[in-house]
C-alpha cells in the first residue's frame, strides 16, 4: 500500500511541525507550504497530493479564498480539502463547507479525530 501524501498549508511553522510529526508517525507523507498562494502553485504542478489540510485564517489569502481556487484546478478538483481552523463557533463548519472544504476540524487538533477523518479518504 502506498503512503498517502498530505499537503499541510499553515502560516505557522509550529502547527506544520506538530501536524507533520503526528501524521508521519502514522504512516503519512507530508509536505507543507506557509501560504495559500504557494500551495495553489504547487497544486497546479504534477506533485502527487492525496489530501490537503488547509488553515483557514492566514494573511494575504485565507482558506476561504484558497479552497475555491484549488477546486478550480481541474486535476485537483477531487482531492479532499480539510479545513483546519481555530474558529469553532456555531456556523464555522458550515462556512468552511460552503467555501468548498470536504471536511473540517478545529484547533487545537484532536489527533484521533483527525486520523478518523483522514481514514474516510483512504
PDB file of N, CA and C in Angstrom:
ATOM      1  N   UNK A   1       0.840  -1.183   0.000  1.00  0.00           N
ATOM      2  CA  UNK A   1       0.000   0.000   0.000  1.00  0.00           C
ATOM      3  C   UNK A   1       0.888   1.250   0.000  1.00  0.00           C
ATOM      4  N   UNK A   2       0.566   2.183  -0.856  1.00  0.00           N
ATOM      5  CA  UNK A   2       1.367   3.405  -0.895  1.00  0.00           C
ATOM      6  C   UNK A   2       0.928   4.349   0.215  1.00  0.00           C
ATOM      7  N   UNK A   3       1.883   5.106   0.679  1.00  0.00           N
ATOM      8  CA  UNK A   3       1.597   6.078   1.730  1.00  0.00           C
ATOM      9  C   UNK A   3       0.844   7.254   1.127  1.00  0.00           C
ATOM     10  N   UNK A   4      -0.169   7.714   1.828  1.00  0.00           N
ATOM     11  CA  UNK A   4      -0.913   8.883   1.381  1.00  0.00           C
ATOM     12  C   UNK A   4      -0.071  10.131   1.635  1.00  0.00           C
ATOM     13  N   UNK A   5      -0.131  11.054   0.702  1.00  0.00           N
ATOM     14  CA  UNK A   5       0.664  12.280   0.778  1.00  0.00           C
ATOM     15  C   UNK A   5      -0.237  13.463   1.092  1.00  0.00           C
ATOM     16  N   UNK A   6       0.054  14.135   2.176  1.00  0.00           N
ATOM     17  CA  UNK A   6      -0.776  15.242   2.640  1.00  0.00           C
ATOM     18  C   UNK A   6      -0.020  16.557   2.506  1.00  0.00           C
ATOM     19  N   UNK A   7      -0.691  17.540   1.916  1.00  0.00           N
ATOM     20  CA  UNK A   7      -0.165  18.897   1.854  1.00  0.00           C
ATOM     21  C   UNK A   7      -0.755  19.666   3.026  1.00  0.00           C
ATOM     22  N   UNK A   8       0.122  20.158   3.900  1.00  0.00           N
ATOM     23  CA  UNK A   8      -0.308  20.963   5.049  1.00  0.00           C
ATOM     24  C   UNK A   8      -0.045  22.427   4.705  1.00  0.00           C
ATOM     25  N   UNK A   9      -1.104  23.229   4.748  1.00  0.00           N
ATOM     26  CA  UNK A   9      -0.984  24.656   4.435  1.00  0.00           C
ATOM     27  C   UNK A   9      -1.302  25.436   5.704  1.00  0.00           C
ATOM     28  N   UNK A  10      -0.294  26.110   6.258  1.00  0.00           N
ATOM     29  CA  UNK A  10      -0.468  26.863   7.501  1.00  0.00           C
ATOM     30  C   UNK A  10       0.629  27.915   7.567  1.00  0.00           C
ATOM     31  N   UNK A  11       0.294  29.110   8.001  1.00  0.00           N
ATOM     32  CA  UNK A  11       1.286  30.181   8.088  1.00  0.00           C
ATOM     33  C   UNK A  11       2.136  30.085   9.355  1.00  0.00           C
ATOM     34  N   UNK A  12       1.815  29.143  10.237  1.00  0.00           N
ATOM     35  CA  UNK A  12       2.563  28.971  11.483  1.00  0.00           C
ATOM     36  C   UNK A  12       3.365  27.672  11.416  1.00  0.00           C
ATOM     37  N   UNK A  13       4.683  27.790  11.377  1.00  0.00           N
ATOM     38  CA  UNK A  13       5.545  26.619  11.269  1.00  0.00           C
ATOM     39  C   UNK A  13       5.398  25.652  12.445  1.00  0.00           C
ATOM     40  N   UNK A  14       4.995  26.158  13.599  1.00  0.00           N
ATOM     41  CA  UNK A  14       4.793  25.266  14.751  1.00  0.00           C
ATOM     42  C   UNK A  14       3.639  24.301  14.483  1.00  0.00           C
ATOM     43  N   UNK A  15       2.585  24.808  13.859  1.00  0.00           N
ATOM     44  CA  UNK A  15       1.448  23.942  13.516  1.00  0.00           C
ATOM     45  C   UNK A  15       1.862  22.904  12.478  1.00  0.00           C
ATOM     46  N   UNK A  16       2.621  23.340  11.486  1.00  0.00           N
ATOM     47  CA  UNK A  16       3.105  22.421  10.452  1.00  0.00           C
ATOM     48  C   UNK A  16       3.959  21.328  11.097  1.00  0.00           C
ATOM     49  N   UNK A  17       4.867  21.727  11.967  1.00  0.00           N
ATOM     50  CA  UNK A  17       5.753  20.776  12.624  1.00  0.00           C
ATOM     51  C   UNK A  17       4.962  19.742  13.417  1.00  0.00           C
ATOM     52  N   UNK A  18       4.019  20.209  14.211  1.00  0.00           N
ATOM     53  CA  UNK A  18       3.233  19.302  15.062  1.00  0.00           C
ATOM     54  C   UNK A  18       2.392  18.343  14.219  1.00  0.00           C
ATOM     55  N   UNK A  19       1.690  18.865  13.231  1.00  0.00           N
ATOM     56  CA  UNK A  19       0.864  18.007  12.379  1.00  0.00           C
ATOM     57  C   UNK A  19       1.716  17.008  11.605  1.00  0.00           C
ATOM     58  N   UNK A  20       2.814  17.485  11.031  1.00  0.00           N
ATOM     59  CA  UNK A  20       3.695  16.601  10.253  1.00  0.00           C
ATOM     60  C   UNK A  20       4.236  15.468  11.113  1.00  0.00           C
ATOM     61  N   UNK A  21       4.664  15.789  12.330  1.00  0.00           N
ATOM     62  CA  UNK A  21       5.236  14.776  13.213  1.00  0.00           C
ATOM     63  C   UNK A  21       4.220  13.682  13.509  1.00  0.00           C
ATOM     64  N   UNK A  22       3.007  14.079  13.844  1.00  0.00           N
ATOM     65  CA  UNK A  22       1.954  13.109  14.160  1.00  0.00           C
ATOM     66  C   UNK A  22       1.600  12.286  12.927  1.00  0.00           C
ATOM     67  N   UNK A  23       1.407  12.949  11.805  1.00  0.00           N
ATOM     68  CA  UNK A  23       0.980  12.240  10.593  1.00  0.00           C
ATOM     69  C   UNK A  23       2.066  11.297  10.068  1.00  0.00           C
ATOM     70  N   UNK A  24       3.305  11.734  10.119  1.00  0.00           N
ATOM     71  CA  UNK A  24       4.406  10.852   9.681  1.00  0.00           C
ATOM     72  C   UNK A  24       4.492   9.614  10.562  1.00  0.00           C
ATOM     73  N   UNK A  25       4.281   9.798  11.865  1.00  0.00           N
ATOM     74  CA  UNK A  25       4.342   8.651  12.779  1.00  0.00           C
ATOM     75  C   UNK A  25       3.208   7.664  12.510  1.00  0.00           C
ATOM     76  N   UNK A  26       2.186   8.112  11.812  1.00  0.00           N
ATOM     77  CA  UNK A  26       1.042   7.255  11.487  1.00  0.00           C
ATOM     78  C   UNK A  26       1.055   6.790  10.033  1.00  0.00           C
ATOM     79  N   UNK A  27       2.192   6.992   9.362  1.00  0.00           N
ATOM     80  CA  UNK A  27       2.352   6.417   8.032  1.00  0.00           C
ATOM     81  C   UNK A  27       2.006   7.314   6.854  1.00  0.00           C
ATOM     82  N   UNK A  28       1.824   8.601   7.092  1.00  0.00           N
ATOM     83  CA  UNK A  28       1.548   9.535   6.003  1.00  0.00           C
ATOM     84  C   UNK A  28       2.838  10.238   5.585  1.00  0.00           C
ATOM     85  N   UNK A  29       2.925  10.612   4.319  1.00  0.00           N
ATOM     86  CA  UNK A  29       3.978  11.513   3.858  1.00  0.00           C
ATOM     87  C   UNK A  29       3.403  12.919   3.924  1.00  0.00           C
ATOM     88  N   UNK A  30       4.207  13.883   4.325  1.00  0.00           N
ATOM     89  CA  UNK A  30       3.724  15.257   4.449  1.00  0.00           C
ATOM     90  C   UNK A  30       4.650  16.222   3.727  1.00  0.00           C
ATOM     91  N   UNK A  31       4.050  17.180   3.061  1.00  0.00           N
ATOM     92  CA  UNK A  31       4.791  18.335   2.569  1.00  0.00           C
ATOM     93  C   UNK A  31       4.003  19.550   3.029  1.00  0.00           C
ATOM     94  N   UNK A  32       4.630  20.696   3.034  1.00  0.00           N
ATOM     95  CA  UNK A  32       3.933  21.864   3.567  1.00  0.00           C
ATOM     96  C   UNK A  32       4.234  23.115   2.761  1.00  0.00           C
ATOM     97  N   UNK A  33       3.335  24.062   2.903  1.00  0.00           N
ATOM     98  CA  UNK A  33       3.503  25.408   2.360  1.00  0.00           C
ATOM     99  C   UNK A  33       2.978  26.374   3.407  1.00  0.00           C
ATOM    100  N   UNK A  34       3.624  27.543   3.514  1.00  0.00           N
ATOM    101  CA  UNK A  34       3.235  28.512   4.535  1.00  0.00           C
ATOM    102  C   UNK A  34       2.307  29.603   4.007  1.00  0.00           C
ATOM    103  N   UNK A  35       1.887  29.496   2.750  1.00  0.00           N
ATOM    104  CA  UNK A  35       0.885  30.427   2.233  1.00  0.00           C
ATOM    105  C   UNK A  35      -0.013  29.692   1.244  1.00  0.00           C
ATOM    106  N   UNK A  36      -1.233  30.186   1.137  1.00  0.00           N
ATOM    107  CA  UNK A  36      -2.200  29.581   0.220  1.00  0.00           C
ATOM    108  C   UNK A  36      -1.726  29.718  -1.228  1.00  0.00           C
ATOM    109  N   UNK A  37      -1.120  30.853  -1.558  1.00  0.00           N
ATOM    110  CA  UNK A  37      -0.651  31.037  -2.944  1.00  0.00           C
ATOM    111  C   UNK A  37       0.420  30.009  -3.312  1.00  0.00           C
ATOM    112  N   UNK A  38       1.357  29.756  -2.387  1.00  0.00           N
ATOM    113  CA  UNK A  38       2.385  28.731  -2.635  1.00  0.00           C
ATOM    114  C   UNK A  38       1.735  27.360  -2.810  1.00  0.00           C
ATOM    115  N   UNK A  39       0.728  27.076  -2.011  1.00  0.00           N
ATOM    116  CA  UNK A  39       0.029  25.789  -2.097  1.00  0.00           C
ATOM    117  C   UNK A  39      -0.670  25.647  -3.451  1.00  0.00           C
ATOM    118  N   UNK A  40      -1.325  26.710  -3.899  1.00  0.00           N
ATOM    119  CA  UNK A  40      -2.018  26.680  -5.193  1.00  0.00           C
ATOM    120  C   UNK A  40      -1.011  26.477  -6.316  1.00  0.00           C
ATOM    121  N   UNK A  41       0.114  27.180  -6.246  1.00  0.00           N
ATOM    122  CA  UNK A  41       1.163  26.992  -7.271  1.00  0.00           C
ATOM    123  C   UNK A  41       1.631  25.545  -7.300  1.00  0.00           C
ATOM    124  N   UNK A  42       1.844  24.958  -6.130  1.00  0.00           N
ATOM    125  CA  UNK A  42       2.266  23.564  -6.048  1.00  0.00           C
ATOM    126  C   UNK A  42       1.210  22.647  -6.665  1.00  0.00           C
ATOM    127  N   UNK A  43      -0.054  22.896  -6.340  1.00  0.00           N
ATOM    128  CA  UNK A  43      -1.139  22.049  -6.819  1.00  0.00           C
ATOM    129  C   UNK A  43      -1.369  22.175  -8.326  1.00  0.00           C
ATOM    130  N   UNK A  44      -0.932  23.263  -8.909  1.00  0.00           N
ATOM    131  CA  UNK A  44      -1.043  23.418 -10.368  1.00  0.00           C
ATOM    132  C   UNK A  44      -0.018  22.554 -11.093  1.00  0.00           C
ATOM    133  N   UNK A  45       1.002  22.103 -10.355  1.00  0.00           N
ATOM    134  CA  UNK A  45       2.042  21.248 -10.927  1.00  0.00           C
ATOM    135  C   UNK A  45       1.650  19.783 -10.868  1.00  0.00           C
ATOM    136  N   UNK A  46       2.647  18.927 -10.986  1.00  0.00           N
ATOM    137  CA  UNK A  46       2.399  17.492 -11.056  1.00  0.00           C
ATOM    138  C   UNK A  46       2.725  16.738  -9.770  1.00  0.00           C
ATOM    139  N   UNK A  47       2.996  17.463  -8.701  1.00  0.00           N
ATOM    140  CA  UNK A  47       3.307  16.840  -7.410  1.00  0.00           C
ATOM    141  C   UNK A  47       2.139  15.938  -6.985  1.00  0.00           C
ATOM    142  N   UNK A  48       2.441  14.748  -6.492  1.00  0.00           N
ATOM    143  CA  UNK A  48       1.383  13.845  -6.018  1.00  0.00           C
ATOM    144  C   UNK A  48       0.901  14.330  -4.649  1.00  0.00           C
ATOM    145  N   UNK A  49      -0.387  14.642  -4.573  1.00  0.00           N
ATOM    146  CA  UNK A  49      -1.014  15.088  -3.330  1.00  0.00           C
ATOM    147  C   UNK A  49      -2.340  14.340  -3.210  1.00  0.00           C
ATOM    148  N   UNK A  50      -2.528  13.660  -2.086  1.00  0.00           N
ATOM    149  CA  UNK A  50      -3.757  12.898  -1.886  1.00  0.00           C
ATOM    150  C   UNK A  50      -4.804  13.654  -1.073  1.00  0.00           C
ATOM    151  N   UNK A  51      -4.340  14.572  -0.205  1.00  0.00           N
ATOM    152  CA  UNK A  51      -5.236  15.347   0.641  1.00  0.00           C
ATOM    153  C   UNK A  51      -4.570  16.668   0.994  1.00  0.00           C
ATOM    154  N   UNK A  52      -5.410  17.652   1.325  1.00  0.00           N
ATOM    155  CA  UNK A  52      -4.900  18.965   1.743  1.00  0.00           C
ATOM    156  C   UNK A  52      -5.502  19.306   3.107  1.00  0.00           C
ATOM    157  N   UNK A  53      -4.644  19.715   4.036  1.00  0.00           N
ATOM    158  CA  UNK A  53      -5.102  20.287   5.305  1.00  0.00           C
ATOM    159  C   UNK A  53      -4.873  21.789   5.200  1.00  0.00           C
ATOM    160  N   UNK A  54      -5.941  22.554   5.184  1.00  0.00           N
ATOM    161  CA  UNK A  54      -5.879  23.996   4.913  1.00  0.00           C
ATOM    162  C   UNK A  54      -6.245  24.815   6.138  1.00  0.00           C
ATOM    163  N   UNK A  55      -5.275  25.591   6.638  1.00  0.00           N
ATOM    164  CA  UNK A  55      -5.548  26.557   7.701  1.00  0.00           C
ATOM    165  C   UNK A  55      -6.468  27.619   7.099  1.00  0.00           C
ATOM    166  N   UNK A  56      -7.500  27.963   7.807  1.00  0.00           N
ATOM    167  CA  UNK A  56      -8.474  28.895   7.244  1.00  0.00           C
ATOM    168  C   UNK A  56      -8.117  30.363   7.479  1.00  0.00           C
ATOM    169  N   UNK A  57      -7.334  30.658   8.518  1.00  0.00           N
ATOM    170  CA  UNK A  57      -7.016  32.049   8.849  1.00  0.00           C
ATOM    171  C   UNK A  57      -5.538  32.323   8.598  1.00  0.00           C
ATOM    172  N   UNK A  58      -5.258  32.873   7.410  1.00  0.00           N
ATOM    173  CA  UNK A  58      -3.876  33.207   7.050  1.00  0.00           C
ATOM    174  C   UNK A  58      -3.856  34.605   6.447  1.00  0.00           C
ATOM    175  N   UNK A  59      -2.710  35.286   6.553  1.00  0.00           N
ATOM    176  CA  UNK A  59      -2.604  36.603   5.917  1.00  0.00           C
ATOM    177  C   UNK A  59      -2.592  36.449   4.399  1.00  0.00           C
ATOM    178  N   UNK A  60      -2.769  37.523   3.695  1.00  0.00           N
ATOM    179  CA  UNK A  60      -2.771  37.566   2.226  1.00  0.00           C
ATOM    180  C   UNK A  60      -3.980  36.838   1.646  1.00  0.00           C
ATOM    181  N   UNK A  61      -3.924  35.511   1.597  1.00  0.00           N
ATOM    182  CA  UNK A  61      -5.048  34.727   1.090  1.00  0.00           C
ATOM    183  C   UNK A  61      -5.418  33.691   2.146  1.00  0.00           C
ATOM    184  N   UNK A  62      -6.672  33.740   2.603  1.00  0.00           N
ATOM    185  CA  UNK A  62      -7.072  32.765   3.623  1.00  0.00           C
ATOM    186  C   UNK A  62      -7.678  31.523   2.969  1.00  0.00           C
ATOM    187  N   UNK A  63      -8.010  30.552   3.795  1.00  0.00           N
ATOM    188  CA  UNK A  63      -8.557  29.298   3.289  1.00  0.00           C
ATOM    189  C   UNK A  63      -9.877  29.461   2.555  1.00  0.00           C
ATOM    190  N   UNK A  64     -10.666  30.436   2.991  1.00  0.00           N
ATOM    191  CA  UNK A  64     -11.964  30.663   2.342  1.00  0.00           C
ATOM    192  C   UNK A  64     -11.789  31.109   0.888  1.00  0.00           C
ATOM    193  N   UNK A  65     -10.711  31.816   0.612  1.00  0.00           N
ATOM    194  CA  UNK A  65     -10.389  32.229  -0.764  1.00  0.00           C
ATOM    195  C   UNK A  65      -9.660  31.118  -1.512  1.00  0.00           C
ATOM    196  N   UNK A  66      -8.794  30.397  -0.799  1.00  0.00           N
ATOM    197  CA  UNK A  66      -7.924  29.408  -1.442  1.00  0.00           C
ATOM    198  C   UNK A  66      -8.664  28.145  -1.881  1.00  0.00           C
ATOM    199  N   UNK A  67      -9.584  27.658  -1.059  1.00  0.00           N
ATOM    200  CA  UNK A  67     -10.241  26.393  -1.381  1.00  0.00           C
ATOM    201  C   UNK A  67     -10.979  26.453  -2.724  1.00  0.00           C
ATOM    202  N   UNK A  68     -11.760  27.498  -2.993  1.00  0.00           N
ATOM    203  CA  UNK A  68     -12.409  27.541  -4.315  1.00  0.00           C
ATOM    204  C   UNK A  68     -11.389  27.574  -5.469  1.00  0.00           C
ATOM    205  N   UNK A  69     -10.250  28.225  -5.233  1.00  0.00           N
ATOM    206  CA  UNK A  69      -9.204  28.255  -6.269  1.00  0.00           C
ATOM    207  C   UNK A  69      -8.627  26.855  -6.495  1.00  0.00           C
ATOM    208  N   UNK A  70      -8.436  26.110  -5.420  1.00  0.00           N
ATOM    209  CA  UNK A  70      -7.922  24.742  -5.535  1.00  0.00           C
ATOM    210  C   UNK A  70      -8.922  23.876  -6.292  1.00  0.00           C
ATOM    211  N   UNK A  71     -10.195  24.034  -5.964  1.00  0.00           N
ATOM    212  CA  UNK A  71     -11.227  23.213  -6.599  1.00  0.00           C
ATOM    213  C   UNK A  71     -11.381  23.536  -8.090  1.00  0.00           C
ATOM    214  N   UNK A  72     -10.909  24.712  -8.504  1.00  0.00           N
ATOM    215  CA  UNK A  72     -10.943  25.087  -9.933  1.00  0.00           C
ATOM    216  C   UNK A  72      -9.823  24.425 -10.731  1.00  0.00           C
ATOM    217  N   UNK A  73      -8.797  23.908 -10.045  1.00  0.00           N
ATOM    218  CA  UNK A  73      -7.691  23.241 -10.737  1.00  0.00           C
ATOM    219  C   UNK A  73      -8.208  21.875 -11.171  1.00  0.00           C
ATOM    220  N   UNK A  74      -8.379  21.703 -12.470  1.00  0.00           N
ATOM    221  CA  UNK A  74      -9.085  20.532 -12.999  1.00  0.00           C
ATOM    222  C   UNK A  74      -8.578  19.211 -12.415  1.00  0.00           C
ATOM    223  N   UNK A  75      -7.286  19.010 -12.411  1.00  0.00           N
ATOM    224  CA  UNK A  75      -6.751  17.719 -11.937  1.00  0.00           C
ATOM    225  C   UNK A  75      -6.786  17.587 -10.422  1.00  0.00           C
ATOM    226  N   UNK A  76      -7.199  18.623  -9.722  1.00  0.00           N
ATOM    227  CA  UNK A  76      -7.241  18.593  -8.248  1.00  0.00           C
ATOM    228  C   UNK A  76      -8.654  18.686  -7.678  1.00  0.00           C
ATOM    229  N   UNK A  77      -9.657  18.798  -8.533  1.00  0.00           N
ATOM    230  CA  UNK A  77     -10.994  19.055  -8.001  1.00  0.00           C
ATOM    231  C   UNK A  77     -11.574  17.895  -7.190  1.00  0.00           C
ATOM    232  N   UNK A  78     -10.948  16.729  -7.241  1.00  0.00           N
ATOM    233  CA  UNK A  78     -11.397  15.586  -6.435  1.00  0.00           C
ATOM    234  C   UNK A  78     -10.513  15.355  -5.203  1.00  0.00           C
ATOM    235  N   UNK A  79      -9.451  16.135  -5.052  1.00  0.00           N
ATOM    236  CA  UNK A  79      -8.560  15.996  -3.896  1.00  0.00           C
ATOM    237  C   UNK A  79      -9.289  16.553  -2.660  1.00  0.00           C
ATOM    238  N   UNK A  80      -9.446  15.725  -1.617  1.00  0.00           N
ATOM    239  CA  UNK A  80     -10.129  16.209  -0.415  1.00  0.00           C
ATOM    240  C   UNK A  80      -9.358  17.350   0.257  1.00  0.00           C
ATOM    241  N   UNK A  81     -10.087  18.403   0.586  1.00  0.00           N
ATOM    242  CA  UNK A  81      -9.515  19.526   1.321  1.00  0.00           C
ATOM    243  C   UNK A  81     -10.222  19.592   2.670  1.00  0.00           C
ATOM    244  N   UNK A  82      -9.429  19.479   3.729  1.00  0.00           N
ATOM    245  CA  UNK A  82      -9.977  19.540   5.083  1.00  0.00           C
ATOM    246  C   UNK A  82      -9.558  20.861   5.697  1.00  0.00           C
ATOM    247  N   UNK A  83     -10.537  21.654   6.095  1.00  0.00           N
ATOM    248  CA  UNK A  83     -10.210  22.941   6.708  1.00  0.00           C
ATOM    249  C   UNK A  83      -9.831  22.724   8.167  1.00  0.00           C
ATOM    250  N   UNK A  84      -8.787  23.456   8.592  1.00  0.00           N
ATOM    251  CA  UNK A  84      -8.292  23.392   9.962  1.00  0.00           C
ATOM    252  C   UNK A  84      -8.391  24.810  10.497  1.00  0.00           C
ATOM    253  N   UNK A  85      -9.201  25.001  11.525  1.00  0.00           N
ATOM    254  CA  UNK A  85      -9.408  26.362  11.981  1.00  0.00           C
ATOM    255  C   UNK A  85      -9.574  26.463  13.491  1.00  0.00           C
ATOM    256  N   UNK A  86      -9.105  27.566  14.036  1.00  0.00           N
ATOM    257  CA  UNK A  86      -9.297  27.852  15.456  1.00  0.00           C
ATOM    258  C   UNK A  86     -10.717  28.362  15.698  1.00  0.00           C
ATOM    259  N   UNK A  87     -11.415  28.681  14.623  1.00  0.00           N
ATOM    260  CA  UNK A  87     -12.786  29.162  14.756  1.00  0.00           C
ATOM    261  C   UNK A  87     -13.716  27.961  14.885  1.00  0.00           C
ATOM    262  N   UNK A  88     -14.215  27.751  16.070  1.00  0.00           N
ATOM    263  CA  UNK A  88     -15.069  26.591  16.310  1.00  0.00           C
ATOM    264  C   UNK A  88     -16.435  27.037  16.828  1.00  0.00           C
ATOM    265  N   UNK A  89     -16.887  28.159  16.334  1.00  0.00           N
ATOM    266  CA  UNK A  89     -18.178  28.687  16.757  1.00  0.00           C
ATOM    267  C   UNK A  89     -19.278  28.098  15.874  1.00  0.00           C
ATOM    268  N   UNK A  90     -20.504  28.243  16.314  1.00  0.00           N
ATOM    269  CA  UNK A  90     -21.638  27.778  15.532  1.00  0.00           C
ATOM    270  C   UNK A  90     -21.600  28.439  14.162  1.00  0.00           C
ATOM    271  N   UNK A  91     -21.713  27.633  13.128  1.00  0.00           N
ATOM    272  CA  UNK A  91     -21.726  28.159  11.774  1.00  0.00           C
ATOM    273  C   UNK A  91     -20.383  28.129  11.074  1.00  0.00           C
ATOM    274  N   UNK A  92     -19.281  27.972  11.825  1.00  0.00           N
ATOM    275  CA  UNK A  92     -17.958  27.976  11.197  1.00  0.00           C
ATOM    276  C   UNK A  92     -17.743  26.754  10.314  1.00  0.00           C
ATOM    277  N   UNK A  93     -18.204  25.597  10.775  1.00  0.00           N
ATOM    278  CA  UNK A  93     -18.066  24.390   9.949  1.00  0.00           C
ATOM    279  C   UNK A  93     -18.817  24.583   8.640  1.00  0.00           C
ATOM    280  N   UNK A  94     -20.036  25.092   8.725  1.00  0.00           N
ATOM    281  CA  UNK A  94     -20.851  25.315   7.527  1.00  0.00           C
ATOM    282  C   UNK A  94     -20.195  26.319   6.582  1.00  0.00           C
ATOM    283  N   UNK A  95     -19.565  27.330   7.159  1.00  0.00           N
ATOM    284  CA  UNK A  95     -18.867  28.329   6.344  1.00  0.00           C
ATOM    285  C   UNK A  95     -17.698  27.687   5.581  1.00  0.00           C
ATOM    286  N   UNK A  96     -16.967  26.786   6.248  1.00  0.00           N
ATOM    287  CA  UNK A  96     -15.852  26.082   5.604  1.00  0.00           C
ATOM    288  C   UNK A  96     -16.359  25.182   4.478  1.00  0.00           C
ATOM    289  N   UNK A  97     -17.431  24.452   4.750  1.00  0.00           N
ATOM    290  CA  UNK A  97     -18.010  23.548   3.748  1.00  0.00           C
ATOM    291  C   UNK A  97     -18.540  24.369   2.563  1.00  0.00           C
ATOM    292  N   UNK A  98     -19.159  25.504   2.864  1.00  0.00           N
ATOM    293  CA  UNK A  98     -19.681  26.373   1.796  1.00  0.00           C
ATOM    294  C   UNK A  98     -18.551  26.891   0.911  1.00  0.00           C
ATOM    295  N   UNK A  99     -17.347  27.054   1.478  1.00  0.00           N
ATOM    296  CA  UNK A  99     -16.192  27.524   0.697  1.00  0.00           C
ATOM    297  C   UNK A  99     -15.630  26.415  -0.191  1.00  0.00           C
ATOM    298  N   UNK A 100     -16.110  25.172   0.036  1.00  0.00           N
ATOM    299  CA  UNK A 100     -15.652  24.062  -0.789  1.00  0.00           C
ATOM    300  C   UNK A 100     -14.857  23.000  -0.052  1.00  0.00           C
ATOM    301  N   UNK A 101     -14.655  23.189   1.248  1.00  0.00           N
ATOM    302  CA  UNK A 101     -13.920  22.172   2.020  1.00  0.00           C
ATOM    303  C   UNK A 101     -14.731  20.883   2.052  1.00  0.00           C
ATOM    304  N   UNK A 102     -14.029  19.765   2.026  1.00  0.00           N
ATOM    305  CA  UNK A 102     -14.699  18.475   2.094  1.00  0.00           C
ATOM    306  C   UNK A 102     -15.008  18.082   3.535  1.00  0.00           C
ATOM    307  N   UNK A 103     -14.248  18.666   4.449  1.00  0.00           N
ATOM    308  CA  UNK A 103     -14.488  18.390   5.859  1.00  0.00           C
ATOM    309  C   UNK A 103     -13.817  19.474   6.687  1.00  0.00           C
ATOM    310  N   UNK A 104     -13.889  19.342   8.020  1.00  0.00           N
ATOM    311  CA  UNK A 104     -13.500  20.415   8.921  1.00  0.00           C
ATOM    312  C   UNK A 104     -12.981  19.819  10.218  1.00  0.00           C
ATOM    313  N   UNK A 105     -11.952  20.410  10.761  1.00  0.00           N
ATOM    314  CA  UNK A 105     -11.505  20.051  12.111  1.00  0.00           C
ATOM    315  C   UNK A 105     -11.042  21.331  12.802  1.00  0.00           C
ATOM    316  N   UNK A 106     -11.332  21.426  14.103  1.00  0.00           N
ATOM    317  CA  UNK A 106     -10.978  22.653  14.825  1.00  0.00           C
ATOM    318  C   UNK A 106      -9.641  22.492  15.540  1.00  0.00           C
ATOM    319  N   UNK A 107      -8.997  23.635  15.785  1.00  0.00           N
ATOM    320  CA  UNK A 107      -7.759  23.697  16.565  1.00  0.00           C
ATOM    321  C   UNK A 107      -8.137  23.954  18.014  1.00  0.00           C
ATOM    322  N   UNK A 108      -7.396  23.455  18.976  1.00  0.00           N
ATOM    323  CA  UNK A 108      -6.260  22.568  18.773  1.00  0.00           C
ATOM    324  C   UNK A 108      -6.731  21.233  18.209  1.00  0.00           C
ATOM    325  N   UNK A 109      -5.955  20.683  17.290  1.00  0.00           N
ATOM    326  CA  UNK A 109      -6.368  19.484  16.576  1.00  0.00           C
ATOM    327  C   UNK A 109      -6.339  18.273  17.504  1.00  0.00           C
ATOM    328  N   UNK A 110      -7.476  17.587  17.560  1.00  0.00           N
ATOM    329  CA  UNK A 110      -7.570  16.312  18.276  1.00  0.00           C
ATOM    330  C   UNK A 110      -7.042  15.251  17.300  1.00  0.00           C
ATOM    331  N   UNK A 111      -5.898  14.658  17.626  1.00  0.00           N
ATOM    332  CA  UNK A 111      -5.210  13.732  16.717  1.00  0.00           C
ATOM    333  C   UNK A 111      -6.107  12.558  16.323  1.00  0.00           C
ATOM    334  N   UNK A 112      -6.808  11.990  17.296  1.00  0.00           N
ATOM    335  CA  UNK A 112      -7.680  10.853  16.983  1.00  0.00           C
ATOM    336  C   UNK A 112      -8.788  11.250  16.014  1.00  0.00           C
ATOM    337  N   UNK A 113      -9.378  12.424  16.236  1.00  0.00           N
ATOM    338  CA  UNK A 113     -10.425  12.904  15.314  1.00  0.00           C
ATOM    339  C   UNK A 113      -9.851  13.109  13.919  1.00  0.00           C
ATOM    340  N   UNK A 114      -8.661  13.703  13.857  1.00  0.00           N
ATOM    341  CA  UNK A 114      -8.026  13.948  12.560  1.00  0.00           C
ATOM    342  C   UNK A 114      -7.761  12.631  11.838  1.00  0.00           C
ATOM    343  N   UNK A 115      -7.208  11.655  12.538  1.00  0.00           N
ATOM    344  CA  UNK A 115      -6.914  10.363  11.913  1.00  0.00           C
ATOM    345  C   UNK A 115      -8.189   9.680  11.432  1.00  0.00           C
ATOM    346  N   UNK A 116      -9.260   9.771  12.219  1.00  0.00           N
ATOM    347  CA  UNK A 116     -10.544   9.206  11.788  1.00  0.00           C
ATOM    348  C   UNK A 116     -11.057   9.901  10.532  1.00  0.00           C
ATOM    349  N   UNK A 117     -10.889  11.201  10.485  1.00  0.00           N
ATOM    350  CA  UNK A 117     -11.287  11.989   9.323  1.00  0.00           C
ATOM    351  C   UNK A 117     -10.492  11.571   8.087  1.00  0.00           C
ATOM    352  N   UNK A 118      -9.186  11.442   8.241  1.00  0.00           N
ATOM    353  CA  UNK A 118      -8.328  11.073   7.115  1.00  0.00           C
ATOM    354  C   UNK A 118      -8.632   9.664   6.619  1.00  0.00           C
ATOM    355  N   UNK A 119      -9.031   8.771   7.521  1.00  0.00           N
ATOM    356  CA  UNK A 119      -9.370   7.396   7.133  1.00  0.00           C
ATOM    357  C   UNK A 119     -10.498   7.366   6.111  1.00  0.00           C
ATOM    358  N   UNK A 120     -11.402   8.337   6.185  1.00  0.00           N
ATOM    359  CA  UNK A 120     -12.548   8.398   5.263  1.00  0.00           C
ATOM    360  C   UNK A 120     -12.093   8.578   3.817  1.00  0.00           C
ATOM    361  N   UNK A 121     -10.894   9.107   3.632  1.00  0.00           N
ATOM    362  CA  UNK A 121     -10.417   9.444   2.286  1.00  0.00           C
ATOM    363  C   UNK A 121      -9.336   8.516   1.776  1.00  0.00           C
ATOM    364  N   UNK A 122      -9.080   7.420   2.489  1.00  0.00           N
ATOM    365  CA  UNK A 122      -8.007   6.491   2.056  1.00  0.00           C
ATOM    366  C   UNK A 122      -8.425   5.670   0.861  1.00  0.00           C
TER     367      UNK A 122
END
